[in-house]
Amino acid sequence: MSIKFNVNGKDFVTERDPLSRLIDVLREELNLTGTKEGCGEGECGACAVLLNGKIVNSCLIPIANVENAKVVTIEMYSETEKGKVVANAFLEEGAVQCGYCIPGMVIAAENILSETNGKPTEEQVRTGIAGNLCRCTGYDHIVNAVLRASDDASELWETK
């Protein structure tokens, strides 16, 4: 069965079993290895991607569910103006240590900033990253990074 979808702005077709996981297609067929597999159970957030603009754990998504959808991974997001603002905020706030969780945390930050028109409260940030586990930094640096991205460029996420 052919499954067609768009990944990072490019159309893609896979012939995999429809129950194959999105993360496996991204990593194995498209070599998009920024999306990490941490737990394989949707508990850690390391595999987070945007699916039609909303955050999902790609380890839980059967490839059949992305038919005609748009997927954005950390590889494309990090090249956008928003992605650069978020990455800089993470660096400036010391929110990166081993880096394993960071792609998922950055995708979560994008989701938070988009849902709040670029002006989240600390509570909204903490709730928004609750599905992402980090074992190195502690969450305060990550929360501060998302708030800093908001302070630095909230207008990027404002809906007109």
N, C-alpha and C. Protein backbone atom coordinates (compact mmCIF):
# COMPACT_ATOMS: atom_id res chain seq x y z
N MET A 1 0.84 -1.18 0.00
CA MET A 1 0.00 0.00 0.00
C MET A 1 0.88 1.24 0.00
N SER A 2 0.62 2.16 -0.90
CA SER A 2 1.35 3.42 -0.96
C SER A 2 0.71 4.44 -0.03
N ILE A 3 1.55 5.07 0.76
CA ILE A 3 1.08 6.11 1.66
C ILE A 3 1.85 7.38 1.31
N LYS A 4 1.09 8.43 0.95
CA LYS A 4 1.67 9.69 0.52
C LYS A 4 1.50 10.73 1.61
N PHE A 5 2.57 11.47 1.86
CA PHE A 5 2.49 12.59 2.79
C PHE A 5 3.62 13.55 2.51
N ASN A 6 3.61 14.68 3.17
CA ASN A 6 4.61 15.71 2.97
C ASN A 6 5.48 15.79 4.21
N VAL A 7 6.78 15.74 4.00
CA VAL A 7 7.74 15.84 5.11
C VAL A 7 8.66 17.02 4.83
N ASN A 8 8.65 17.97 5.72
CA ASN A 8 9.52 19.13 5.61
C ASN A 8 9.42 19.82 4.25
N GLY A 9 8.19 19.91 3.75
CA GLY A 9 7.94 20.63 2.50
C GLY A 9 8.11 19.81 1.24
N LYS A 10 8.44 18.53 1.37
CA LYS A 10 8.63 17.67 0.20
C LYS A 10 7.66 16.51 0.24
N ASP A 11 7.05 16.23 -0.90
CA ASP A 11 6.15 15.09 -0.98
C ASP A 11 6.94 13.79 -0.92
N PHE A 12 6.37 12.81 -0.25
CA PHE A 12 7.03 11.53 -0.04
C PHE A 12 6.00 10.42 -0.12
N VAL A 13 6.43 9.28 -0.66
CA VAL A 13 5.58 8.09 -0.73
C VAL A 13 6.36 6.94 -0.12
N THR A 14 5.70 6.19 0.76
CA THR A 14 6.31 4.99 1.31
C THR A 14 5.44 3.79 1.00
N GLU A 15 6.08 2.66 0.89
CA GLU A 15 5.38 1.40 0.62
C GLU A 15 5.36 0.50 1.87
N ARG A 16 5.68 1.08 2.99
CA ARG A 16 5.74 0.30 4.23
C ARG A 16 4.38 -0.22 4.65
N ASP A 17 4.42 -1.18 5.55
CA ASP A 17 3.22 -1.67 6.21
C ASP A 17 2.52 -0.47 6.84
N PRO A 18 1.21 -0.31 6.64
CA PRO A 18 0.50 0.85 7.17
C PRO A 18 0.60 0.99 8.69
N LEU A 19 0.94 -0.08 9.39
CA LEU A 19 1.08 -0.01 10.85
C LEU A 19 2.50 0.33 11.28
N SER A 20 3.41 0.50 10.33
CA SER A 20 4.76 0.96 10.66
C SER A 20 4.66 2.32 11.35
N ARG A 21 5.59 2.57 12.24
CA ARG A 21 5.56 3.83 12.98
C ARG A 21 6.18 4.97 12.16
N LEU A 22 5.64 6.14 12.34
CA LEU A 22 6.16 7.32 11.67
C LEU A 22 7.63 7.53 11.99
N ILE A 23 8.04 7.35 13.23
CA ILE A 23 9.44 7.55 13.59
C ILE A 23 10.37 6.66 12.77
N ASP A 24 9.96 5.42 12.51
CA ASP A 24 10.81 4.51 11.75
C ASP A 24 10.95 4.96 10.30
N VAL A 25 9.88 5.46 9.71
CA VAL A 25 9.95 5.97 8.34
C VAL A 25 10.85 7.20 8.30
N LEU A 26 10.68 8.10 9.25
CA LEU A 26 11.51 9.32 9.28
C LEU A 26 12.98 8.98 9.41
N ARG A 27 13.31 8.12 10.33
CA ARG A 27 14.72 7.81 10.61
C ARG A 27 15.33 6.88 9.57
N GLU A 28 14.60 5.84 9.17
CA GLU A 28 15.18 4.80 8.32
C GLU A 28 15.06 5.09 6.83
N GLU A 29 13.94 5.63 6.39
CA GLU A 29 13.76 5.89 4.97
C GLU A 29 14.22 7.28 4.57
N LEU A 30 14.00 8.25 5.43
CA LEU A 30 14.33 9.64 5.10
C LEU A 30 15.61 10.14 5.76
N ASN A 31 16.21 9.31 6.61
CA ASN A 31 17.45 9.67 7.31
C ASN A 31 17.32 10.97 8.10
N LEU A 32 16.14 11.20 8.65
CA LEU A 32 15.90 12.37 9.50
C LEU A 32 16.08 11.92 10.95
N THR A 33 17.33 11.89 11.36
CA THR A 33 17.69 11.30 12.65
C THR A 33 17.64 12.28 13.82
N GLY A 34 17.22 13.51 13.57
CA GLY A 34 17.04 14.45 14.67
C GLY A 34 15.88 14.04 15.57
N THR A 35 14.93 13.32 14.99
CA THR A 35 13.82 12.77 15.76
C THR A 35 14.35 11.54 16.47
N LYS A 36 14.38 11.58 17.78
CA LYS A 36 14.99 10.50 18.58
C LYS A 36 13.95 9.53 19.11
N GLU A 37 14.36 8.29 19.30
CA GLU A 37 13.50 7.35 20.01
C GLU A 37 14.07 7.16 21.40
N GLY A 38 13.27 7.56 22.37
CA GLY A 38 13.68 7.39 23.76
C GLY A 38 13.03 6.18 24.38
N CYS A 39 11.71 6.19 24.43
CA CYS A 39 11.00 5.12 25.14
C CYS A 39 10.20 4.21 24.22
N GLY A 40 9.79 4.71 23.06
CA GLY A 40 8.97 3.93 22.15
C GLY A 40 7.55 3.74 22.64
N GLU A 41 7.16 4.47 23.67
CA GLU A 41 5.84 4.32 24.27
C GLU A 41 5.08 5.64 24.41
N GLY A 42 5.61 6.72 23.83
CA GLY A 42 4.93 8.01 23.90
C GLY A 42 5.05 8.70 25.24
N GLU A 43 6.02 8.31 26.04
CA GLU A 43 6.15 8.87 27.39
C GLU A 43 7.24 9.93 27.51
N CYS A 44 8.22 9.95 26.60
CA CYS A 44 9.38 10.82 26.82
C CYS A 44 9.43 12.06 25.94
N GLY A 45 8.75 12.06 24.80
CA GLY A 45 8.73 13.24 23.93
C GLY A 45 9.94 13.42 23.04
N ALA A 46 10.92 12.53 23.09
CA ALA A 46 12.12 12.69 22.27
C ALA A 46 11.81 12.58 20.77
N CYS A 47 10.70 11.93 20.45
CA CYS A 47 10.34 11.70 19.05
C CYS A 47 9.32 12.70 18.53
N ALA A 48 9.11 13.80 19.24
CA ALA A 48 8.07 14.77 18.87
C ALA A 48 8.33 15.39 17.51
N VAL A 49 7.26 15.49 16.73
CA VAL A 49 7.25 16.18 15.44
C VAL A 49 5.94 16.96 15.38
N LEU A 50 5.84 17.82 14.38
CA LEU A 50 4.58 18.51 14.13
C LEU A 50 3.84 17.78 13.02
N LEU A 51 2.61 17.41 13.27
CA LEU A 51 1.75 16.75 12.30
C LEU A 51 0.57 17.67 12.06
N ASN A 52 0.53 18.22 10.84
CA ASN A 52 -0.49 19.22 10.51
C ASN A 52 -0.51 20.34 11.55
N GLY A 53 0.69 20.74 11.99
CA GLY A 53 0.84 21.87 12.89
C GLY A 53 0.68 21.58 14.36
N LYS A 54 0.41 20.33 14.72
CA LYS A 54 0.23 19.98 16.13
C LYS A 54 1.29 18.97 16.56
N ILE A 55 1.74 19.08 17.78
CA ILE A 55 2.77 18.18 18.29
C ILE A 55 2.20 16.76 18.49
N VAL A 56 2.98 15.78 18.04
CA VAL A 56 2.65 14.37 18.26
C VAL A 56 3.94 13.61 18.57
N ASN A 57 3.79 12.49 19.24
CA ASN A 57 4.91 11.58 19.45
C ASN A 57 4.93 10.61 18.27
N SER A 58 5.93 10.71 17.44
CA SER A 58 5.97 9.93 16.20
C SER A 58 6.12 8.43 16.44
N CYS A 59 6.52 8.04 17.65
CA CYS A 59 6.61 6.60 17.95
C CYS A 59 5.23 5.97 18.12
N LEU A 60 4.20 6.80 18.27
CA LEU A 60 2.84 6.29 18.47
C LEU A 60 1.98 6.38 17.22
N ILE A 61 2.49 6.99 16.17
CA ILE A 61 1.67 7.27 14.99
C ILE A 61 1.91 6.22 13.90
N PRO A 62 0.90 5.42 13.59
CA PRO A 62 1.03 4.50 12.45
C PRO A 62 1.13 5.32 11.17
N ILE A 63 1.97 4.90 10.27
CA ILE A 63 2.20 5.65 9.04
C ILE A 63 0.90 5.85 8.25
N ALA A 64 -0.04 4.93 8.39
CA ALA A 64 -1.34 5.08 7.71
C ALA A 64 -2.05 6.35 8.15
N ASN A 65 -1.78 6.83 9.35
CA ASN A 65 -2.45 8.02 9.88
C ASN A 65 -1.88 9.32 9.33
N VAL A 66 -0.82 9.25 8.54
CA VAL A 66 -0.25 10.48 7.99
C VAL A 66 -0.56 10.64 6.50
N GLU A 67 -1.42 9.81 5.96
CA GLU A 67 -1.83 9.94 4.56
C GLU A 67 -2.28 11.37 4.30
N ASN A 68 -1.65 12.02 3.31
CA ASN A 68 -1.97 13.39 2.88
C ASN A 68 -1.71 14.45 3.96
N ALA A 69 -0.95 14.11 4.98
CA ALA A 69 -0.66 15.06 6.06
C ALA A 69 0.66 15.77 5.81
N LYS A 70 0.91 16.79 6.63
CA LYS A 70 2.18 17.53 6.59
C LYS A 70 2.92 17.28 7.90
N VAL A 71 4.14 16.80 7.77
CA VAL A 71 4.99 16.51 8.93
C VAL A 71 6.18 17.47 8.89
N VAL A 72 6.47 18.07 10.02
CA VAL A 72 7.65 18.92 10.16
C VAL A 72 8.51 18.33 11.27
N THR A 73 9.77 18.07 10.93
CA THR A 73 10.72 17.54 11.90
C THR A 73 11.66 18.65 12.35
N ILE A 74 12.48 18.34 13.33
CA ILE A 74 13.44 19.32 13.84
C ILE A 74 14.38 19.81 12.75
N GLU A 75 14.68 18.96 11.76
CA GLU A 75 15.61 19.37 10.70
C GLU A 75 15.09 20.60 9.95
N MET A 76 13.81 20.60 9.61
CA MET A 76 13.25 21.75 8.89
C MET A 76 12.97 22.90 9.86
N TYR A 77 12.38 22.58 11.00
CA TYR A 77 12.03 23.63 11.94
C TYR A 77 13.25 24.45 12.35
N SER A 78 14.36 23.79 12.57
CA SER A 78 15.56 24.50 13.03
C SER A 78 16.09 25.48 11.99
N GLU A 79 15.68 25.35 10.74
CA GLU A 79 16.12 26.26 9.68
C GLU A 79 15.20 27.47 9.52
N THR A 80 14.06 27.47 10.22
CA THR A 80 13.12 28.58 10.11
C THR A 80 13.54 29.72 11.05
N GLU A 81 12.96 30.88 10.82
CA GLU A 81 13.25 32.02 11.69
C GLU A 81 12.83 31.71 13.13
N LYS A 82 11.65 31.10 13.29
CA LYS A 82 11.19 30.72 14.63
C LYS A 82 12.15 29.72 15.27
N GLY A 83 12.56 28.74 14.50
CA GLY A 83 13.48 27.72 15.01
C GLY A 83 14.79 28.30 15.47
N LYS A 84 15.28 29.28 14.75
CA LYS A 84 16.55 29.93 15.13
C LYS A 84 16.40 30.73 16.42
N VAL A 85 15.25 31.38 16.58
CA VAL A 85 14.99 32.12 17.82
C VAL A 85 14.95 31.16 19.01
N VAL A 86 14.23 30.05 18.85
CA VAL A 86 14.11 29.07 19.93
C VAL A 86 15.48 28.45 20.24
N ALA A 87 16.22 28.07 19.21
CA ALA A 87 17.55 27.47 19.44
C ALA A 87 18.47 28.44 20.17
N ASN A 88 18.46 29.69 19.78
CA ASN A 88 19.29 30.69 20.44
C ASN A 88 18.88 30.85 21.90
N ALA A 89 17.58 30.85 22.17
CA ALA A 89 17.11 30.98 23.55
C ALA A 89 17.56 29.79 24.39
N PHE A 90 17.51 28.58 23.81
CA PHE A 90 17.98 27.40 24.54
C PHE A 90 19.47 27.52 24.86
N LEU A 91 20.25 28.01 23.91
CA LEU A 91 21.68 28.19 24.15
C LEU A 91 21.94 29.26 25.21
N GLU A 92 21.28 30.38 25.07
CA GLU A 92 21.50 31.49 26.00
C GLU A 92 21.09 31.15 27.43
N GLU A 93 20.09 30.31 27.58
CA GLU A 93 19.60 29.95 28.92
C GLU A 93 20.26 28.69 29.48
N GLY A 94 21.20 28.12 28.74
CA GLY A 94 21.89 26.91 29.23
C GLY A 94 20.95 25.73 29.35
N ALA A 95 20.00 25.63 28.42
CA ALA A 95 18.98 24.59 28.48
C ALA A 95 19.38 23.32 27.73
N VAL A 96 20.64 23.22 27.35
CA VAL A 96 21.10 22.05 26.60
C VAL A 96 22.28 21.44 27.33
N GLN A 97 22.20 20.14 27.61
CA GLN A 97 23.35 19.44 28.14
C GLN A 97 23.68 18.28 27.22
N CYS A 98 23.14 17.11 27.46
CA CYS A 98 23.48 15.98 26.58
C CYS A 98 22.85 16.15 25.20
N GLY A 99 21.69 16.84 25.13
CA GLY A 99 21.06 17.15 23.86
C GLY A 99 20.05 16.14 23.37
N TYR A 100 19.93 14.99 24.00
CA TYR A 100 19.05 13.95 23.48
C TYR A 100 17.59 14.40 23.44
N CYS A 101 17.13 15.09 24.46
CA CYS A 101 15.72 15.51 24.52
C CYS A 101 15.46 16.79 23.74
N ILE A 102 16.50 17.50 23.37
CA ILE A 102 16.33 18.86 22.85
C ILE A 102 15.51 18.94 21.57
N PRO A 103 15.66 18.06 20.59
CA PRO A 103 14.77 18.18 19.43
C PRO A 103 13.29 18.14 19.81
N GLY A 104 12.92 17.22 20.68
CA GLY A 104 11.54 17.15 21.13
C GLY A 104 11.13 18.36 21.95
N MET A 105 12.04 18.85 22.79
CA MET A 105 11.74 20.05 23.59
C MET A 105 11.55 21.27 22.69
N VAL A 106 12.35 21.39 21.65
CA VAL A 106 12.23 22.52 20.72
C VAL A 106 10.89 22.44 19.98
N ILE A 107 10.51 21.25 19.55
CA ILE A 107 9.20 21.08 18.90
C ILE A 107 8.08 21.43 19.90
N ALA A 108 8.24 21.02 21.15
CA ALA A 108 7.25 21.37 22.18
C ALA A 108 7.20 22.88 22.37
N ALA A 109 8.36 23.53 22.36
CA ALA A 109 8.42 24.99 22.50
C ALA A 109 7.65 25.65 21.36
N GLU A 110 7.84 25.17 20.15
CA GLU A 110 7.09 25.71 19.01
C GLU A 110 5.60 25.55 19.22
N ASN A 111 5.19 24.39 19.67
CA ASN A 111 3.77 24.15 19.90
C ASN A 111 3.21 25.11 20.96
N ILE A 112 3.95 25.30 22.04
CA ILE A 112 3.54 26.21 23.12
C ILE A 112 3.42 27.64 22.60
N LEU A 113 4.45 28.08 21.90
CA LEU A 113 4.48 29.45 21.39
C LEU A 113 3.36 29.68 20.37
N SER A 114 3.11 28.69 19.53
CA SER A 114 2.03 28.82 18.54
C SER A 114 0.66 28.88 19.20
N GLU A 115 0.46 28.02 20.19
CA GLU A 115 -0.85 27.98 20.86
C GLU A 115 -1.13 29.21 21.72
N THR A 116 -0.10 29.93 22.10
CA THR A 116 -0.29 31.11 22.97
C THR A 116 0.00 32.42 22.23
N ASN A 117 0.05 32.36 20.91
CA ASN A 117 0.37 33.54 20.10
C ASN A 117 1.68 34.19 20.54
N GLY A 118 2.63 33.36 20.97
CA GLY A 118 3.95 33.84 21.34
C GLY A 118 4.06 34.44 22.72
N LYS A 119 3.02 34.30 23.53
CA LYS A 119 3.04 34.93 24.85
C LYS A 119 2.58 33.96 25.94
N PRO A 120 3.34 32.88 26.14
CA PRO A 120 2.92 31.92 27.18
C PRO A 120 3.27 32.40 28.57
N THR A 121 2.50 31.92 29.52
CA THR A 121 2.85 32.12 30.93
C THR A 121 3.81 30.99 31.33
N GLU A 122 4.44 31.14 32.48
CA GLU A 122 5.31 30.08 32.96
C GLU A 122 4.52 28.78 33.14
N GLU A 123 3.31 28.90 33.66
CA GLU A 123 2.48 27.70 33.86
C GLU A 123 2.15 27.02 32.52
N GLN A 124 1.87 27.80 31.49
CA GLN A 124 1.59 27.22 30.17
C GLN A 124 2.83 26.52 29.61
N VAL A 125 4.00 27.07 29.85
CA VAL A 125 5.23 26.43 29.38
C VAL A 125 5.44 25.12 30.13
N ARG A 126 5.30 25.16 31.44
CA ARG A 126 5.50 23.93 32.23
C ARG A 126 4.49 22.85 31.82
N THR A 127 3.26 23.22 31.57
CA THR A 127 2.25 22.26 31.12
C THR A 127 2.60 21.75 29.72
N GLY A 128 3.05 22.66 28.86
CA GLY A 128 3.36 22.31 27.47
C GLY A 128 4.55 21.38 27.30
N ILE A 129 5.49 21.43 28.24
CA ILE A 129 6.66 20.53 28.13
C ILE A 129 6.50 19.30 29.02
N ALA A 130 5.35 19.16 29.66
CA ALA A 130 5.15 18.05 30.59
C ALA A 130 5.30 16.68 29.93
N GLY A 131 5.08 16.59 28.64
CA GLY A 131 5.22 15.31 27.94
C GLY A 131 6.63 15.03 27.46
N ASN A 132 7.58 15.86 27.84
CA ASN A 132 8.98 15.69 27.43
C ASN A 132 9.85 15.49 28.66
N LEU A 133 10.61 14.41 28.65
CA LEU A 133 11.50 14.13 29.77
C LEU A 133 12.92 14.58 29.48
N CYS A 134 13.54 15.17 30.50
CA CYS A 134 14.94 15.55 30.44
C CYS A 134 15.60 15.05 31.71
N ARG A 135 16.70 14.38 31.55
CA ARG A 135 17.38 13.85 32.73
C ARG A 135 18.65 14.62 33.07
N CYS A 136 18.93 15.68 32.34
CA CYS A 136 20.20 16.39 32.55
C CYS A 136 20.04 17.80 33.12
N THR A 137 19.23 18.63 32.47
CA THR A 137 19.26 20.06 32.79
C THR A 137 18.39 20.46 33.96
N GLY A 138 17.36 19.71 34.24
CA GLY A 138 16.33 20.24 35.12
C GLY A 138 15.48 21.13 34.24
N TYR A 139 14.25 21.28 34.59
CA TYR A 139 13.32 21.94 33.67
C TYR A 139 13.35 23.45 33.73
N ASP A 140 13.90 24.04 34.77
CA ASP A 140 13.87 25.50 34.89
C ASP A 140 14.59 26.17 33.73
N HIS A 141 15.72 25.64 33.31
CA HIS A 141 16.45 26.23 32.18
C HIS A 141 15.62 26.15 30.90
N ILE A 142 14.93 25.06 30.72
CA ILE A 142 14.11 24.88 29.51
C ILE A 142 12.92 25.84 29.55
N VAL A 143 12.27 25.94 30.70
CA VAL A 143 11.16 26.89 30.85
C VAL A 143 11.65 28.30 30.55
N ASN A 144 12.79 28.66 31.13
CA ASN A 144 13.34 30.00 30.89
C ASN A 144 13.66 30.21 29.42
N ALA A 145 14.10 29.17 28.73
CA ALA A 145 14.42 29.30 27.30
C ALA A 145 13.16 29.59 26.49
N VAL A 146 12.08 28.91 26.78
CA VAL A 146 10.83 29.15 26.04
C VAL A 146 10.33 30.56 26.33
N LEU A 147 10.40 30.98 27.58
CA LEU A 147 9.98 32.34 27.92
C LEU A 147 10.89 33.38 27.27
N ARG A 148 12.16 33.07 27.16
CA ARG A 148 13.10 33.98 26.50
C ARG A 148 12.77 34.10 25.02
N ALA A 149 12.48 32.98 24.37
CA ALA A 149 12.10 33.03 22.95
C ALA A 149 10.88 33.91 22.77
N SER A 150 9.94 33.82 23.71
CA SER A 150 8.76 34.67 23.68
C SER A 150 9.16 36.14 23.82
N ASP A 151 10.02 36.43 24.78
CA ASP A 151 10.47 37.81 25.00
C ASP A 151 11.24 38.34 23.79
N ASP A 152 12.04 37.48 23.18
CA ASP A 152 12.89 37.91 22.07
C ASP A 152 12.12 38.16 20.78
N ALA A 153 11.05 37.39 20.54
CA ALA A 153 10.39 37.50 19.24
C ALA A 153 8.95 36.99 19.25
N SER A 154 8.16 37.40 20.22
CA SER A 154 6.78 36.90 20.29
C SER A 154 5.98 37.22 19.05
N GLU A 155 6.34 38.27 18.36
CA GLU A 155 5.59 38.66 17.16
C GLU A 155 5.63 37.58 16.07
N LEU A 156 6.63 36.72 16.10
CA LEU A 156 6.70 35.65 15.09
C LEU A 156 5.54 34.67 15.23
N TRP A 157 4.98 34.55 16.41
CA TRP A 157 3.91 33.58 16.65
C TRP A 157 2.53 34.22 16.73
N GLU A 158 2.47 35.53 16.63
CA GLU A 158 1.18 36.20 16.68
C GLU A 158 0.36 35.87 15.46
N THR A 159 -0.91 35.56 15.67
CA THR A 159 -1.80 35.34 14.54
C THR A 159 -2.42 36.68 14.16
N LYS A 160 -2.46 36.89 12.92
CA LYS A 160 -2.95 38.19 12.42
C LYS A 160 -4.43 38.12 12.16
